[in-house]
Amino acid sequence: MHTLGLIIALLTLFVVGWAILKGKYATFVLLLSGVIMLVSSVILDTGKFLPEKVKSTGNSLLDVVEFIRYMLSNNFSQLGLLIMLMVGFASYMTHIGANQAFVGIATKRFKAIKSPYFMIFIAFCVAKLISMVITSAVGLGVLCLALLGPVLISLGLNKLSVGSICAMSGASSMVLLGSSTAAAAKATELEVLDYVFIYKIPAALPTALVIGIALVLWNRYLDKKEGWVCSEHIGESISFDDKVDVPKEQAPMIYALLPFLPMILVVVFSPYCLKTIKLNISSVIILSMIIAMVFEAFRHKFSFEKLGEGLKVFFNAMAKSLSGVVMLVVAAGIFAEGFKALGMLDAIVNLAKSIGFGGLGMSILFVFITTIVTIIAGSNGASFYPLLNMVPNIAKSLNINSVMLVLPMHQASTIARPLSPVSGVVVAISGMLHISPLSLIKRCSVPAILGLISHHIFVFLLSF
């Protein structure tokens, strides 16, 4: 094992953490650091990084360029396309008002419930339902605040309590077709449906229950400590200063089903249902998009302009995701491979073995790292993707179920996000409510910590 290689890897990791903390462009930071580590591995001759199916150029330094080409080609044609389609479809659902139609149905009966603290739990449960169709944490939190906030405030709840519900709405993710879910399933070598229904959802549901109960008790405790009495604030209202664009034209109620089409069809065209027809997830999303456009055609009397405008939204969202999350995935993969090529993977495994770390110990270690990076960077992608590529090999080396490492880390990145003062969802919600980000984080702290612990326990039980 080359000591100099390990030193370079550790120094690079430190610089990357510092750069992300300073708000530097994460994709560039990960890409540049990955290339530096790959070049260093060539110079020091510490390890190979080209997959067996990729032929060498004949020059070790040029192999770094070939590896970047491979990562771009491989991700664009598979995971990248899936991510782009997912983002495009989600944006189209918002554009046509389908997401808002679902939220409208879910919140219709809220005013019939009189207990304000019971409403915290109910609102969080509804937010978790909404989270299944909205993959953006910021978009989800803002939408929940815009549509649920006024009702909750009118019942006498503290703005901080309402903010904590919305900020925690994406914690313990139950998204079936999210980009991180697809990446996690690939890392565990499981089909997306198997990863979701056998592991992710069974662990996420009880964790969400723990978080929901913790939100009630923790907010009630802090309200009492701060002297907030809900009965004295009943009927109050709130203004968001036009920071949230609520759709002006209400979509038909049947549109509430459209965001769930990919989830429904992916189950229908699977071994669990129709075995004779096989459609991969990308094809399912395209089919869902076509069905949604048929609805729009009838709704707008086959208006060419309306249909074209919607399709433009779909394609623009795909393009933005390419420069965003897709390139982040590619850069993270290059970073992880550079980390591995310098011998850090072997060092981590050997260290774990030497100090007696088994599967649970390594899982705790990765969750701890993911949590810290998420809090520092404010992004679940920046913490999850760079580590994800290392996990399968570590799991094989320790002879454990890779889900034991991947899933806790996957959800830790979503649960810890509301603890970051620089995360988009915390900044957006605290700004809309005119409260301090740190005061919002305080309201999320105990529920998030209990969520991290309980989720780890549930995954550990499921992975056997």
Protein backbone atom coordinates (compact mmCIF):
# COMPACT_ATOMS: atom_id res chain seq x y z
CA MET A 1 0.00 0.00 0.00
CA HIS A 2 1.48 3.36 -1.06
CA THR A 3 1.58 5.77 1.88
CA LEU A 4 2.00 8.81 -0.35
CA GLY A 5 -1.14 7.83 -2.25
CA LEU A 6 -3.13 7.70 0.99
CA ILE A 7 -1.79 11.11 2.03
CA ILE A 8 -2.80 12.61 -1.34
CA ALA A 9 -6.28 11.07 -1.05
CA LEU A 10 -6.80 12.41 2.48
CA LEU A 11 -5.54 15.88 1.56
CA THR A 12 -7.80 15.92 -1.50
CA LEU A 13 -10.76 14.88 0.64
CA PHE A 14 -10.02 17.73 3.05
CA VAL A 15 -9.75 20.27 0.22
CA VAL A 16 -12.98 19.01 -1.35
CA GLY A 17 -14.81 19.37 1.97
CA TRP A 18 -13.43 22.89 2.42
CA ALA A 19 -14.36 23.91 -1.14
CA ILE A 20 -17.93 22.62 -0.83
CA LEU A 21 -18.24 24.35 2.57
CA LYS A 22 -17.19 27.60 0.88
CA GLY A 23 -19.97 27.16 -1.66
CA LYS A 24 -17.79 26.26 -4.64
CA TYR A 25 -19.38 24.48 -7.61
CA ALA A 26 -19.59 20.90 -6.28
CA THR A 27 -19.50 19.23 -9.71
CA PHE A 28 -16.28 21.02 -10.69
CA VAL A 29 -14.69 20.37 -7.31
CA LEU A 30 -15.44 16.63 -7.46
CA LEU A 31 -14.40 16.33 -11.12
CA LEU A 32 -11.12 18.18 -10.68
CA SER A 33 -10.20 16.33 -7.49
CA GLY A 34 -11.08 13.00 -9.12
CA VAL A 35 -8.83 13.72 -12.11
CA ILE A 36 -5.98 14.79 -9.81
CA MET A 37 -6.27 11.54 -7.84
CA LEU A 38 -6.45 9.43 -11.01
CA VAL A 39 -3.33 11.11 -12.43
CA SER A 40 -1.60 10.64 -9.07
CA SER A 41 -2.50 6.94 -9.10
CA VAL A 42 -0.89 6.62 -12.54
CA ILE A 43 2.29 8.38 -11.41
CA LEU A 44 2.49 6.36 -8.18
CA ASP A 45 1.24 3.16 -9.83
CA THR A 46 -1.17 2.43 -6.98
CA GLY A 47 -4.03 0.85 -8.86
CA LYS A 48 -6.05 0.41 -12.06
CA PHE A 49 -9.23 2.34 -12.72
CA LEU A 50 -10.35 1.34 -16.23
CA PRO A 51 -13.15 -1.28 -16.18
CA GLU A 52 -12.25 -4.60 -17.81
CA LYS A 53 -14.65 -3.98 -20.72
CA VAL A 54 -12.87 -0.72 -21.60
CA LYS A 55 -9.68 -1.04 -23.65
CA SER A 56 -6.62 0.93 -22.67
CA THR A 57 -5.42 3.70 -24.98
CA GLY A 58 -1.88 2.43 -24.65
CA ASN A 59 -0.86 5.36 -22.51
CA SER A 60 -1.59 5.42 -18.78
CA LEU A 61 -2.17 9.17 -18.58
CA LEU A 62 -4.48 9.15 -21.59
CA ASP A 63 -6.38 6.33 -19.89
CA VAL A 64 -7.63 9.00 -17.47
CA VAL A 65 -9.28 10.77 -20.41
CA GLU A 66 -10.68 7.46 -21.64
CA PHE A 67 -12.14 6.79 -18.21
CA ILE A 68 -13.88 10.18 -18.20
CA ARG A 69 -15.32 9.37 -21.64
CA TYR A 70 -16.54 6.03 -20.35
CA MET A 71 -18.18 7.61 -17.30
CA LEU A 72 -19.96 10.18 -19.46
CA SER A 73 -21.10 7.59 -22.01
CA ASN A 74 -22.19 5.03 -19.43
CA ASN A 75 -24.10 7.47 -17.25
CA PHE A 76 -25.75 9.40 -20.07
CA SER A 77 -27.12 6.27 -21.70
CA GLN A 78 -28.43 4.65 -18.52
CA LEU A 79 -28.76 6.40 -15.18
CA GLY A 80 -28.41 9.88 -16.70
CA LEU A 81 -31.30 9.40 -19.10
CA LEU A 82 -33.46 8.03 -16.31
CA ILE A 83 -32.72 11.02 -14.08
CA MET A 84 -33.42 13.49 -16.89
CA LEU A 85 -36.76 11.86 -17.69
CA MET A 86 -37.75 11.82 -14.02
CA VAL A 87 -36.98 15.51 -13.57
CA GLY A 88 -38.74 16.39 -16.82
CA PHE A 89 -41.87 14.47 -15.86
CA ALA A 90 -41.99 16.01 -12.36
CA SER A 91 -41.67 19.50 -13.85
CA TYR A 92 -44.43 18.76 -16.35
CA MET A 93 -46.71 17.59 -13.55
CA THR A 94 -46.20 20.92 -11.80
CA HIS A 95 -46.72 22.84 -15.04
CA ILE A 96 -50.12 21.27 -15.77
CA GLY A 97 -51.25 21.53 -12.13
CA ALA A 98 -51.33 17.79 -11.44
CA ASN A 99 -49.21 18.03 -8.29
CA GLN A 100 -51.41 20.83 -6.96
CA ALA A 101 -54.56 18.79 -7.70
CA PHE A 102 -53.26 15.99 -5.48
CA VAL A 103 -52.27 18.39 -2.70
CA GLY A 104 -55.70 20.03 -2.89
CA ILE A 105 -57.44 16.73 -2.25
CA ALA A 106 -55.09 15.83 0.60
CA THR A 107 -55.58 19.13 2.41
CA LYS A 108 -59.31 19.57 1.81
CA ARG A 109 -60.43 18.24 5.22
CA PHE A 110 -57.70 19.78 7.38
CA LYS A 111 -59.91 22.46 8.90
CA ALA A 112 -62.18 19.81 10.44
CA ILE A 113 -59.37 18.83 12.83
CA LYS A 114 -59.23 21.05 15.92
CA SER A 115 -56.21 19.77 17.89
CA PRO A 116 -53.20 21.82 16.71
CA TYR A 117 -50.50 19.39 17.86
CA PHE A 118 -52.33 16.40 16.40
CA MET A 119 -52.33 18.44 13.20
CA ILE A 120 -48.52 18.42 13.22
CA PHE A 121 -48.55 14.64 12.88
CA ILE A 122 -51.37 14.64 10.30
CA ALA A 123 -49.69 17.37 8.25
CA PHE A 124 -46.38 15.49 8.29
CA CYS A 125 -48.11 12.32 7.09
CA VAL A 126 -49.73 14.27 4.24
CA ALA A 127 -46.36 15.84 3.44
CA LYS A 128 -44.88 12.34 3.20
CA LEU A 129 -47.62 11.37 0.73
CA ILE A 130 -46.85 14.46 -1.31
CA SER A 131 -43.13 13.61 -1.18
CA MET A 132 -43.79 10.44 -3.18
CA VAL A 133 -44.52 12.55 -6.27
CA ILE A 134 -42.13 15.49 -5.79
CA THR A 135 -38.45 14.59 -5.79
CA SER A 136 -37.01 18.06 -5.11
CA ALA A 137 -36.57 18.74 -1.38
CA VAL A 138 -36.82 22.49 -1.91
CA GLY A 139 -39.83 22.19 -4.21
CA LEU A 140 -41.53 19.81 -1.78
CA GLY A 141 -40.90 21.98 1.27
CA VAL A 142 -42.00 25.19 -0.44
CA LEU A 143 -45.12 23.57 -1.89
CA CYS A 144 -46.09 22.11 1.51
CA LEU A 145 -45.57 25.49 3.16
CA ALA A 146 -47.53 27.35 0.49
CA LEU A 147 -50.54 25.03 0.60
CA LEU A 148 -50.51 23.63 4.15
CA GLY A 149 -48.95 26.58 5.95
CA PRO A 150 -51.94 28.96 5.99
CA VAL A 151 -54.25 26.24 7.35
CA LEU A 152 -51.78 25.21 10.07
CA ILE A 153 -51.09 28.81 11.07
CA SER A 154 -54.84 29.51 11.34
CA LEU A 155 -55.13 26.66 13.85
CA GLY A 156 -52.71 28.49 16.16
CA LEU A 157 -49.50 26.61 15.42
CA ASN A 158 -46.16 28.35 15.77
CA LYS A 159 -44.44 29.35 12.51
CA LEU A 160 -41.41 27.37 13.68
CA SER A 161 -43.52 24.24 14.09
CA VAL A 162 -45.02 24.66 10.62
CA GLY A 163 -41.57 25.27 9.18
CA SER A 164 -40.18 22.11 10.79
CA ILE A 165 -42.95 20.00 9.22
CA CYS A 166 -42.17 21.35 5.77
CA ALA A 167 -38.38 21.17 6.19
CA MET A 168 -38.61 17.53 7.36
CA SER A 169 -41.08 16.54 4.61
CA GLY A 170 -38.34 15.02 2.47
CA ALA A 171 -36.67 13.14 5.35
CA SER A 172 -36.85 9.34 5.22
CA SER A 173 -37.61 9.52 1.51
CA MET A 174 -40.30 7.25 0.10
CA VAL A 175 -39.83 8.32 -3.53
CA LEU A 176 -40.10 5.30 -5.82
CA LEU A 177 -38.54 6.81 -8.92
CA GLY A 178 -36.06 9.34 -7.57
CA SER A 179 -32.58 9.68 -9.07
CA SER A 180 -30.84 8.78 -5.80
CA THR A 181 -33.09 5.73 -5.47
CA ALA A 182 -32.10 4.56 -8.94
CA ALA A 183 -28.43 5.08 -8.13
CA ALA A 184 -28.76 3.25 -4.80
CA ALA A 185 -30.53 0.30 -6.42
CA LYS A 186 -27.77 0.06 -9.00
CA ALA A 187 -25.10 0.10 -6.27
CA THR A 188 -26.83 -2.78 -4.44
CA GLU A 189 -27.27 -4.69 -7.73
CA LEU A 190 -31.01 -4.88 -7.12
CA GLU A 191 -33.93 -4.01 -9.36
CA VAL A 192 -35.41 -0.65 -8.40
CA LEU A 193 -38.70 -2.31 -7.36
CA ASP A 194 -36.93 -4.80 -5.14
CA TYR A 195 -34.80 -2.10 -3.52
CA VAL A 196 -37.84 0.09 -2.91
CA PHE A 197 -40.45 -2.43 -1.78
CA ILE A 198 -38.25 -4.93 0.06
CA TYR A 199 -35.93 -2.49 1.80
CA LYS A 200 -36.49 1.25 1.29
CA ILE A 201 -40.21 1.58 2.01
CA PRO A 202 -40.32 -1.00 4.88
CA ALA A 203 -37.53 0.93 6.64
CA ALA A 204 -38.81 4.40 5.70
CA LEU A 205 -42.38 3.93 6.96
CA PRO A 206 -41.60 3.24 10.64
CA THR A 207 -38.85 5.86 10.51
CA ALA A 208 -41.35 8.44 9.24
CA LEU A 209 -43.65 7.44 12.10
CA VAL A 210 -40.84 8.06 14.60
CA ILE A 211 -40.05 11.44 13.02
CA GLY A 212 -43.73 12.43 12.99
CA ILE A 213 -44.21 11.63 16.68
CA ALA A 214 -40.93 13.36 17.53
CA LEU A 215 -42.07 16.49 15.66
CA VAL A 216 -45.21 16.61 17.81
CA LEU A 217 -43.47 16.10 21.15
CA TRP A 218 -40.42 18.26 20.41
CA ASN A 219 -42.42 21.20 19.04
CA ARG A 220 -44.85 20.98 21.95
CA TYR A 221 -41.95 20.99 24.42
CA LEU A 222 -40.27 23.99 22.76
CA ASP A 223 -43.58 25.88 22.50
CA LYS A 224 -44.15 25.40 26.22
CA LYS A 225 -40.58 26.44 26.99
CA GLU A 226 -40.91 29.56 24.84
CA GLY A 227 -44.38 30.44 26.15
CA TRP A 228 -46.33 29.82 22.95
CA VAL A 229 -50.01 28.97 23.56
CA CYS A 230 -51.80 27.80 20.42
CA SER A 231 -55.27 28.83 21.63
CA GLU A 232 -54.12 32.45 21.75
CA HIS A 233 -53.16 32.47 18.07
CA ILE A 234 -56.15 30.79 16.43
CA GLY A 235 -57.25 32.56 13.26
CA GLU A 236 -53.89 34.17 12.49
CA SER A 237 -52.78 34.39 8.85
CA ILE A 238 -49.48 34.45 7.02
CA SER A 239 -48.16 36.11 3.85
CA PHE A 240 -45.30 34.78 1.75
CA ASP A 241 -44.66 38.04 -0.13
CA ASP A 242 -45.46 36.40 -3.45
CA LYS A 243 -42.39 34.16 -3.21
CA VAL A 244 -44.46 31.11 -4.10
CA ASP A 245 -46.21 30.79 -7.42
CA VAL A 246 -49.44 28.92 -6.78
CA PRO A 247 -51.03 27.85 -10.11
CA LYS A 248 -53.79 30.26 -11.10
CA GLU A 249 -55.81 27.75 -13.11
CA GLN A 250 -57.02 24.78 -11.10
CA ALA A 251 -56.56 21.44 -12.83
CA PRO A 252 -59.35 18.81 -12.93
CA MET A 253 -59.33 16.57 -9.86
CA ILE A 254 -58.58 13.52 -12.00
CA TYR A 255 -55.17 15.08 -12.62
CA ALA A 256 -54.28 14.12 -9.03
CA LEU A 257 -53.68 10.60 -10.35
CA LEU A 258 -51.19 11.64 -13.05
CA PRO A 259 -48.11 12.11 -10.81
CA PHE A 260 -48.58 8.51 -9.67
CA LEU A 261 -48.69 7.07 -13.20
CA PRO A 262 -45.00 6.06 -13.33
CA MET A 263 -45.31 4.35 -9.95
CA ILE A 264 -48.44 2.50 -11.04
CA LEU A 265 -47.14 1.49 -14.46
CA VAL A 266 -43.73 0.39 -13.19
CA VAL A 267 -45.56 -2.12 -11.00
CA VAL A 268 -48.00 -3.13 -13.76
CA PHE A 269 -45.20 -3.85 -16.25
CA SER A 270 -43.14 -5.92 -13.84
CA PRO A 271 -42.75 -9.58 -12.87
CA TYR A 272 -45.15 -8.85 -10.01
CA CYS A 273 -48.00 -8.18 -12.44
CA LEU A 274 -47.80 -8.45 -16.26
CA LYS A 275 -44.97 -10.86 -16.98
CA THR A 276 -45.52 -10.86 -20.75
CA ILE A 277 -44.75 -7.15 -21.22
CA LYS A 278 -41.41 -5.71 -20.23
CA LEU A 279 -40.79 -1.96 -20.04
CA ASN A 280 -37.83 -0.42 -18.29
CA ILE A 281 -38.38 2.59 -16.09
CA SER A 282 -37.32 5.12 -18.71
CA SER A 283 -39.93 3.72 -21.11
CA VAL A 284 -42.55 3.81 -18.36
CA ILE A 285 -41.90 7.51 -17.75
CA ILE A 286 -42.15 8.26 -21.47
CA LEU A 287 -45.46 6.36 -21.59
CA SER A 288 -46.69 8.29 -18.54
CA MET A 289 -45.73 11.54 -20.25
CA ILE A 290 -47.70 10.56 -23.36
CA ILE A 291 -50.78 9.72 -21.28
CA ALA A 292 -50.53 13.04 -19.44
CA MET A 293 -50.29 14.91 -22.75
CA VAL A 294 -53.42 13.13 -23.98
CA PHE A 295 -55.23 14.46 -20.89
CA GLU A 296 -53.88 17.93 -21.67
CA ALA A 297 -55.00 17.64 -25.30
CA PHE A 298 -58.61 17.04 -24.30
CA ARG A 299 -58.46 19.65 -21.55
CA HIS A 300 -57.24 22.39 -23.88
CA LYS A 301 -59.19 21.23 -26.96
CA PHE A 302 -56.06 20.06 -28.80
CA SER A 303 -54.40 23.48 -28.62
CA PHE A 304 -51.06 23.21 -30.40
CA GLU A 305 -49.63 26.12 -28.36
CA LYS A 306 -50.61 24.64 -24.98
CA LEU A 307 -49.23 21.20 -25.80
CA GLY A 308 -46.03 22.67 -27.20
CA GLU A 309 -45.57 24.87 -24.14
CA GLY A 310 -45.90 21.85 -21.85
CA LEU A 311 -43.46 19.76 -23.87
CA LYS A 312 -40.99 22.65 -23.79
CA VAL A 313 -41.17 22.62 -19.98
CA PHE A 314 -40.44 18.89 -20.04
CA PHE A 315 -37.38 19.24 -22.29
CA ASN A 316 -36.03 22.32 -20.49
CA ALA A 317 -36.20 20.47 -17.17
CA MET A 318 -34.35 17.54 -18.72
CA ALA A 319 -31.62 19.89 -19.94
CA LYS A 320 -31.25 21.53 -16.53
CA SER A 321 -30.97 18.16 -14.82
CA LEU A 322 -28.19 17.21 -17.24
CA SER A 323 -26.06 20.12 -16.08
CA GLY A 324 -27.13 19.53 -12.48
CA VAL A 325 -27.63 16.13 -10.93
CA VAL A 326 -26.46 14.03 -13.91
CA MET A 327 -23.08 15.76 -14.13
CA LEU A 328 -22.84 15.61 -10.34
CA VAL A 329 -23.28 11.83 -10.56
CA VAL A 330 -20.57 11.61 -13.23
CA ALA A 331 -18.16 13.83 -11.29
CA ALA A 332 -18.84 11.89 -8.10
CA GLY A 333 -18.09 8.63 -9.88
CA ILE A 334 -14.74 9.96 -11.12
CA PHE A 335 -13.94 11.25 -7.64
CA ALA A 336 -14.78 7.90 -6.05
CA GLU A 337 -12.68 6.00 -8.59
CA GLY A 338 -9.73 8.29 -7.93
CA PHE A 339 -10.16 7.75 -4.21
CA LYS A 340 -10.17 4.02 -4.83
CA ALA A 341 -7.22 4.07 -7.25
CA LEU A 342 -5.00 5.68 -4.62
CA GLY A 343 -5.63 2.76 -2.28
CA MET A 344 -8.13 4.37 0.10
CA LEU A 345 -10.70 1.60 -0.38
CA ASP A 346 -8.21 -1.06 0.69
CA ALA A 347 -7.10 1.14 3.58
CA ILE A 348 -10.67 1.59 4.84
CA VAL A 349 -11.38 -2.13 4.63
CA ASN A 350 -8.11 -3.07 6.34
CA LEU A 351 -8.71 -0.48 9.05
CA ALA A 352 -12.23 -1.78 9.61
CA LYS A 353 -10.94 -5.32 9.90
CA SER A 354 -8.05 -4.38 12.16
CA ILE A 355 -10.24 -2.53 14.67
CA GLY A 356 -13.01 -5.10 14.52
CA PHE A 357 -15.47 -3.13 12.38
CA GLY A 358 -18.01 -5.47 10.88
CA GLY A 359 -21.00 -4.60 8.75
CA LEU A 360 -22.73 -2.58 11.47
CA GLY A 361 -19.57 -0.67 12.33
CA MET A 362 -18.91 0.27 8.72
CA SER A 363 -22.54 1.22 8.27
CA ILE A 364 -22.39 3.57 11.28
CA LEU A 365 -19.15 5.04 9.94
CA PHE A 366 -20.62 5.77 6.50
CA VAL A 367 -23.80 7.23 8.02
CA PHE A 368 -21.69 9.48 10.23
CA ILE A 369 -19.63 10.69 7.27
CA THR A 370 -22.74 11.21 5.13
CA THR A 371 -24.46 13.17 7.90
CA ILE A 372 -21.49 15.47 8.49
CA VAL A 373 -21.00 16.17 4.77
CA THR A 374 -24.73 16.79 4.30
CA ILE A 375 -24.77 19.32 7.14
CA ILE A 376 -21.66 21.05 5.81
CA ALA A 377 -22.64 21.06 2.14
CA GLY A 378 -26.40 21.39 2.53
CA SER A 379 -26.94 18.85 -0.23
CA ASN A 380 -27.77 15.16 -0.07
CA GLY A 381 -26.20 14.66 -3.50
CA ALA A 382 -22.83 16.04 -2.46
CA SER A 383 -22.69 13.61 0.47
CA PHE A 384 -24.38 10.55 -1.00
CA TYR A 385 -23.04 10.15 -4.54
CA PRO A 386 -19.29 10.44 -3.81
CA LEU A 387 -19.46 7.63 -1.23
CA LEU A 388 -22.00 5.47 -3.03
CA ASN A 389 -19.57 4.17 -5.63
CA MET A 390 -17.25 2.81 -2.95
CA VAL A 391 -19.85 0.85 -1.04
CA PRO A 392 -20.40 -2.28 -3.20
CA ASN A 393 -16.73 -3.28 -3.10
CA ILE A 394 -16.51 -2.65 0.64
CA ALA A 395 -19.62 -4.76 1.23
CA LYS A 396 -18.13 -7.62 -0.80
CA SER A 397 -14.83 -7.37 1.07
CA LEU A 398 -16.64 -7.59 4.41
CA ASN A 399 -19.01 -10.28 3.08
CA ILE A 400 -22.16 -8.38 4.07
CA ASN A 401 -25.38 -7.35 2.38
CA SER A 402 -24.62 -4.12 0.49
CA VAL A 403 -28.06 -2.78 1.48
CA MET A 404 -26.77 -2.56 5.05
CA LEU A 405 -24.31 0.11 3.88
CA VAL A 406 -26.20 1.78 1.02
CA LEU A 407 -29.69 2.34 2.47
CA PRO A 408 -28.70 3.91 5.84
CA MET A 409 -26.34 6.23 3.96
CA HIS A 410 -29.03 6.96 1.34
CA GLN A 411 -31.59 8.02 3.93
CA ALA A 412 -29.06 9.73 6.19
CA SER A 413 -28.52 12.22 3.38
CA THR A 414 -32.25 13.05 3.38
CA ILE A 415 -32.79 13.05 7.14
CA ALA A 416 -29.73 15.22 7.91
CA ARG A 417 -30.49 17.81 5.22
CA PRO A 418 -32.82 19.91 7.48
CA LEU A 419 -29.91 20.23 9.93
CA SER A 420 -27.84 22.26 7.47
CA PRO A 421 -28.06 26.07 7.59
CA VAL A 422 -27.03 26.20 3.92
CA SER A 423 -29.46 23.61 2.55
CA GLY A 424 -31.92 24.94 0.01
CA VAL A 425 -35.00 23.77 1.89
CA VAL A 426 -33.92 25.41 5.18
CA VAL A 427 -32.95 28.67 3.49
CA ALA A 428 -36.17 28.82 1.46
CA ILE A 429 -38.56 28.01 4.32
CA SER A 430 -36.85 30.24 6.89
CA GLY A 431 -36.86 33.08 4.36
CA MET A 432 -40.56 32.65 3.56
CA LEU A 433 -41.49 32.51 7.24
CA HIS A 434 -39.06 35.32 8.19
CA ILE A 435 -37.37 33.21 10.85
CA SER A 436 -33.75 32.36 11.63
CA PRO A 437 -32.39 29.25 9.85
CA LEU A 438 -30.82 28.16 13.15
CA SER A 439 -34.16 28.38 14.96
CA LEU A 440 -35.68 26.18 12.25
CA ILE A 441 -32.80 23.71 12.55
CA LYS A 442 -33.41 23.59 16.32
CA ARG A 443 -37.00 22.50 15.65
CA CYS A 444 -35.77 19.78 13.28
CA SER A 445 -32.83 18.60 15.38
CA VAL A 446 -34.35 16.01 17.73
CA PRO A 447 -36.72 14.49 15.10
CA ALA A 448 -33.78 14.20 12.68
CA ILE A 449 -31.46 12.57 15.21
CA LEU A 450 -34.14 10.09 16.27
CA GLY A 451 -34.87 9.44 12.60
CA LEU A 452 -31.22 8.65 11.87
CA ILE A 453 -30.97 6.23 14.79
CA SER A 454 -34.30 4.48 14.24
CA HIS A 455 -33.78 4.11 10.49
CA HIS A 456 -30.42 2.46 11.06
CA ILE A 457 -32.03 -0.04 13.42
CA PHE A 458 -34.83 -0.86 10.96
CA VAL A 459 -32.39 -1.37 8.06
CA PHE A 460 -30.17 -3.57 10.22
CA LEU A 461 -33.16 -5.80 11.01
CA LEU A 462 -34.27 -5.94 7.36
CA SER A 463 -30.85 -6.71 5.89
CA PHE A 464 -30.62 -10.16 7.48
